[in-house]
Amino acid sequence: MELAYYSDYAVRLVNTEEPARNKDVLTSVEAVRELFGANAQAARRTTDADVTRFRSVRARLRTVFEAADSGDETLAVDLLNSLLLEFPVSPQISGHDTRDEDGKPDWHMHLADHPSNATAGYTAIAAMGLAFHLTSYGVDRLGLCEAAPCRNAYLDTSTNRSRRYCSDRCATRANVAAYRARKRLKAERTADTGRSVVTAQPSTPSTDF
């Protein structure tokens, strides 16, 4: 089962908004359809009403990442479970149109949704994918970028649980900012030391008799 692919549905939706930057790209049917990627059949079900519904689900998925990022594992699981109950899926064996070298179907597990609308179908797959990631790798593998003001969601798949940023770009930006902050601090300390030395100079003794 393509767990990484399904869990990425949740990340893609959450990251259509950057609250700290007052940025939101989820403003049209076309923007919603782009989230489905290669799943063109599901994307075609999208209507104007799904724009509002997708935004509502996005807010709920973000709270899952926020809870995980803050270390509240129970809350993260409870929030995700509520989405799983509301938007269920069914596991099915699928071969699609792919064939192995012997010409037989390339059978694999597939998450089949039974949606009443495009939002329900997308949310069902996103929530199930995120649940698989959470139970396979741990709640602490769900995070929010530490490079302020980004706060994009990410899934940590590093071997040593070391990921802190959503992208290499944010990691570089944060490292540069930290380096400049260290340089400023060093310069300030050097200046303070110089002022202290000047202040501590002994006064010239009087030569009056």
Protein backbone atom coordinates (compact mmCIF):
# COMPACT_ATOMS: atom_id res chain seq x y z
CA MET A 1 0.00 0.00 0.00
CA GLU A 2 1.42 3.39 -0.99
CA LEU A 3 1.35 4.89 2.47
CA ALA A 4 3.68 7.81 1.76
CA TYR A 5 1.55 8.80 -1.22
CA TYR A 6 -1.68 8.79 0.76
CA SER A 7 -0.27 10.64 3.78
CA ASP A 8 1.03 13.33 1.45
CA TYR A 9 -2.60 14.20 0.64
CA ALA A 10 -2.90 15.66 4.13
CA VAL A 11 0.33 17.64 3.87
CA ARG A 12 -0.58 19.08 0.48
CA LEU A 13 -3.95 20.30 1.74
CA VAL A 14 -2.64 21.80 4.99
CA ASN A 15 0.10 23.66 3.15
CA THR A 16 -2.30 25.47 0.83
CA GLU A 17 -2.51 28.03 3.61
CA GLU A 18 0.22 29.94 5.46
CA PRO A 19 -1.64 31.81 8.23
CA ALA A 20 1.39 33.81 9.45
CA ARG A 21 1.90 35.16 5.94
CA ASN A 22 -1.82 35.70 5.31
CA LYS A 23 -1.47 33.45 2.26
CA ASP A 24 -4.17 31.09 0.98
CA VAL A 25 -4.08 29.47 -2.47
CA LEU A 26 -7.22 27.39 -1.97
CA THR A 27 -9.55 29.90 -3.59
CA SER A 28 -10.98 28.14 -6.63
CA VAL A 29 -12.22 24.85 -8.01
CA GLU A 30 -9.05 24.61 -10.10
CA ALA A 31 -6.89 24.92 -6.97
CA VAL A 32 -8.84 22.09 -5.32
CA ARG A 33 -8.51 19.86 -8.38
CA GLU A 34 -4.73 20.33 -8.40
CA LEU A 35 -4.56 18.68 -4.97
CA PHE A 36 -5.72 15.37 -6.45
CA GLY A 37 -2.61 15.11 -8.59
CA ALA A 38 -2.88 12.23 -11.05
CA ASN A 39 -6.30 11.19 -9.76
CA ALA A 40 -8.16 12.99 -12.53
CA GLN A 41 -11.39 11.06 -12.09
CA ALA A 42 -11.74 12.19 -8.46
CA ALA A 43 -10.76 15.75 -9.35
CA ARG A 44 -13.58 15.98 -11.91
CA ARG A 45 -16.13 15.57 -9.12
CA THR A 46 -15.08 18.90 -7.60
CA THR A 47 -17.64 21.71 -7.51
CA ASP A 48 -17.71 25.25 -6.14
CA ALA A 49 -19.09 23.93 -2.85
CA ASP A 50 -15.95 21.86 -2.32
CA VAL A 51 -13.77 24.96 -1.96
CA THR A 52 -15.43 25.84 1.36
CA ARG A 53 -15.57 22.20 2.46
CA PHE A 54 -11.87 21.68 1.70
CA ARG A 55 -10.98 24.73 3.78
CA SER A 56 -12.92 23.30 6.72
CA VAL A 57 -11.10 19.96 6.48
CA ARG A 58 -7.78 21.79 6.09
CA ALA A 59 -8.31 23.54 9.43
CA ARG A 60 -9.05 20.21 11.12
CA LEU A 61 -5.97 18.54 9.64
CA ARG A 62 -3.79 21.45 10.74
CA THR A 63 -4.95 20.95 14.34
CA VAL A 64 -3.69 17.36 14.12
CA PHE A 65 -0.22 18.60 13.12
CA GLU A 66 -0.32 21.36 15.75
CA ALA A 67 -1.17 18.87 18.50
CA ALA A 68 1.58 16.48 17.38
CA ASP A 69 4.09 19.33 17.09
CA SER A 70 3.31 20.50 20.63
CA GLY A 71 3.80 16.98 22.01
CA ASP A 72 0.12 16.27 22.78
CA GLU A 73 -0.05 12.79 21.27
CA THR A 74 -3.47 11.90 22.70
CA LEU A 75 -5.09 15.01 21.25
CA ALA A 76 -3.49 14.42 17.84
CA VAL A 77 -4.83 10.86 17.77
CA ASP A 78 -8.30 11.91 18.96
CA LEU A 79 -8.54 14.60 16.29
CA LEU A 80 -7.43 12.20 13.58
CA ASN A 81 -9.79 9.48 14.79
CA SER A 82 -12.72 11.89 14.47
CA LEU A 83 -11.84 12.41 10.81
CA LEU A 84 -11.49 8.66 10.24
CA LEU A 85 -14.95 8.04 11.68
CA GLU A 86 -16.52 10.82 9.64
CA PHE A 87 -14.77 9.93 6.37
CA PRO A 88 -14.27 6.14 6.16
CA VAL A 89 -12.52 4.17 3.41
CA SER A 90 -12.43 0.53 2.40
CA PRO A 91 -9.22 -1.38 1.67
CA GLN A 92 -9.40 -3.21 -1.65
CA ILE A 93 -7.06 -5.31 -3.76
CA SER A 94 -6.34 -3.53 -7.01
CA GLY A 95 -4.31 -4.21 -10.13
CA HIS A 96 -5.27 -1.12 -12.08
CA ASP A 97 -3.77 -1.36 -15.56
CA THR A 98 -0.27 -2.36 -14.46
CA ARG A 99 1.21 -5.74 -15.32
CA ASP A 100 4.27 -7.59 -14.07
CA GLU A 101 6.85 -9.18 -16.38
CA ASP A 102 4.64 -12.27 -16.75
CA GLY A 103 1.71 -10.17 -17.90
CA LYS A 104 -0.25 -10.68 -14.70
CA PRO A 105 -1.87 -7.77 -12.82
CA ASP A 106 0.42 -6.08 -10.30
CA TRP A 107 -1.86 -6.68 -7.34
CA HIS A 108 -1.56 -4.28 -4.41
CA MET A 109 -3.67 -2.84 -1.60
CA HIS A 110 -5.63 0.27 -2.47
CA LEU A 111 -7.71 2.64 -0.33
CA ALA A 112 -11.10 2.91 -1.98
CA ASP A 113 -13.31 5.80 -0.99
CA HIS A 114 -17.06 5.96 -1.41
CA PRO A 115 -17.59 9.71 -1.42
CA SER A 116 -20.74 11.75 -1.53
CA ASN A 117 -18.59 14.60 -2.87
CA ALA A 118 -14.98 15.39 -3.78
CA THR A 119 -14.15 16.66 -0.29
CA ALA A 120 -15.30 13.43 1.36
CA GLY A 121 -13.22 11.32 -1.01
CA TYR A 122 -10.07 13.39 -0.57
CA THR A 123 -10.42 13.61 3.21
CA ALA A 124 -10.98 9.88 3.59
CA ILE A 125 -7.74 9.06 1.80
CA ALA A 126 -5.77 11.88 3.47
CA ALA A 127 -6.88 10.89 6.97
CA MET A 128 -6.21 7.19 6.42
CA GLY A 129 -2.78 7.89 4.95
CA LEU A 130 -1.91 10.14 7.88
CA ALA A 131 -3.12 7.47 10.30
CA PHE A 132 -0.86 4.86 8.71
CA HIS A 133 2.10 7.23 8.93
CA LEU A 134 1.35 8.07 12.56
CA THR A 135 1.03 4.44 13.68
CA SER A 136 4.01 3.27 11.63
CA TYR A 137 6.49 5.99 12.60
CA GLY A 138 5.09 7.74 15.68
CA VAL A 139 3.12 10.90 16.44
CA ASP A 140 6.34 12.88 16.76
CA ARG A 141 6.95 12.32 13.04
CA LEU A 142 4.20 14.87 12.29
CA GLY A 143 5.60 18.37 12.52
CA LEU A 144 5.34 22.04 11.64
CA CYS A 145 8.25 23.92 10.12
CA GLU A 146 10.37 25.77 12.70
CA ALA A 147 11.46 28.44 10.20
CA ALA A 148 9.16 31.28 11.21
CA PRO A 149 6.87 32.47 9.81
CA CYS A 150 6.51 29.38 7.58
CA ARG A 151 4.85 26.75 9.83
CA ASN A 152 4.13 24.42 6.91
CA ALA A 153 3.29 20.82 7.80
CA TYR A 154 5.72 17.99 7.08
CA LEU A 155 6.14 14.25 7.68
CA ASP A 156 9.47 13.27 9.20
CA THR A 157 10.89 10.14 7.57
CA SER A 158 14.49 10.69 8.68
CA THR A 159 16.26 7.80 10.37
CA ASN A 160 17.15 9.78 13.47
CA ARG A 161 13.95 11.84 13.87
CA SER A 162 15.92 14.99 13.16
CA ARG A 163 13.71 16.83 10.67
CA ARG A 164 12.67 20.32 11.81
CA TYR A 165 11.84 22.11 8.55
CA CYS A 166 9.40 21.57 5.72
CA SER A 167 12.00 22.04 2.97
CA ASP A 168 15.69 22.56 2.27
CA ARG A 169 14.89 26.20 1.52
CA CYS A 170 13.48 26.79 5.00
CA ALA A 171 16.34 24.87 6.62
CA THR A 172 18.90 27.03 4.81
CA ARG A 173 17.03 30.22 5.70
CA ALA A 174 16.90 29.23 9.37
CA ASN A 175 20.59 28.30 9.45
CA VAL A 176 21.59 31.61 7.86
CA ALA A 177 19.44 33.52 10.36
CA ALA A 178 20.99 31.59 13.26
CA TYR A 179 24.51 32.26 11.94
CA ARG A 180 23.83 36.00 11.64
CA ALA A 181 22.34 36.07 15.12
CA ARG A 182 25.49 34.43 16.53
CA LYS A 183 27.68 36.97 14.73
CA ARG A 184 25.63 39.86 16.14
CA LEU A 185 25.86 38.44 19.63
CA LYS A 186 29.62 37.97 19.32
CA ALA A 187 30.03 41.55 18.07
CA GLU A 188 27.91 42.90 20.93
CA ARG A 189 29.94 40.94 23.49
CA THR A 190 33.19 42.21 21.98
CA ALA A 191 31.91 45.78 22.11
CA ASP A 192 30.80 45.34 25.73
CA THR A 193 34.23 43.95 26.64
CA GLY A 194 35.93 46.95 25.00
CA ARG A 195 33.77 49.40 26.91
CA SER A 196 34.50 47.58 30.16
CA VAL A 197 38.27 47.83 29.58
CA VAL A 198 38.06 51.56 28.92
CA THR A 199 35.96 52.12 32.01
CA ALA A 200 38.38 50.14 34.14
CA GLN A 201 41.47 52.22 33.18
CA PRO A 202 43.07 53.76 36.33
CA SER A 203 42.97 57.51 36.62
CA THR A 204 46.23 59.51 36.14
CA PRO A 205 47.78 60.28 39.53
CA SER A 206 47.95 63.90 40.52
CA THR A 207 51.36 65.67 40.20
CA ASP A 208 50.46 68.63 42.40
CA PHE A 209 52.64 69.17 45.49
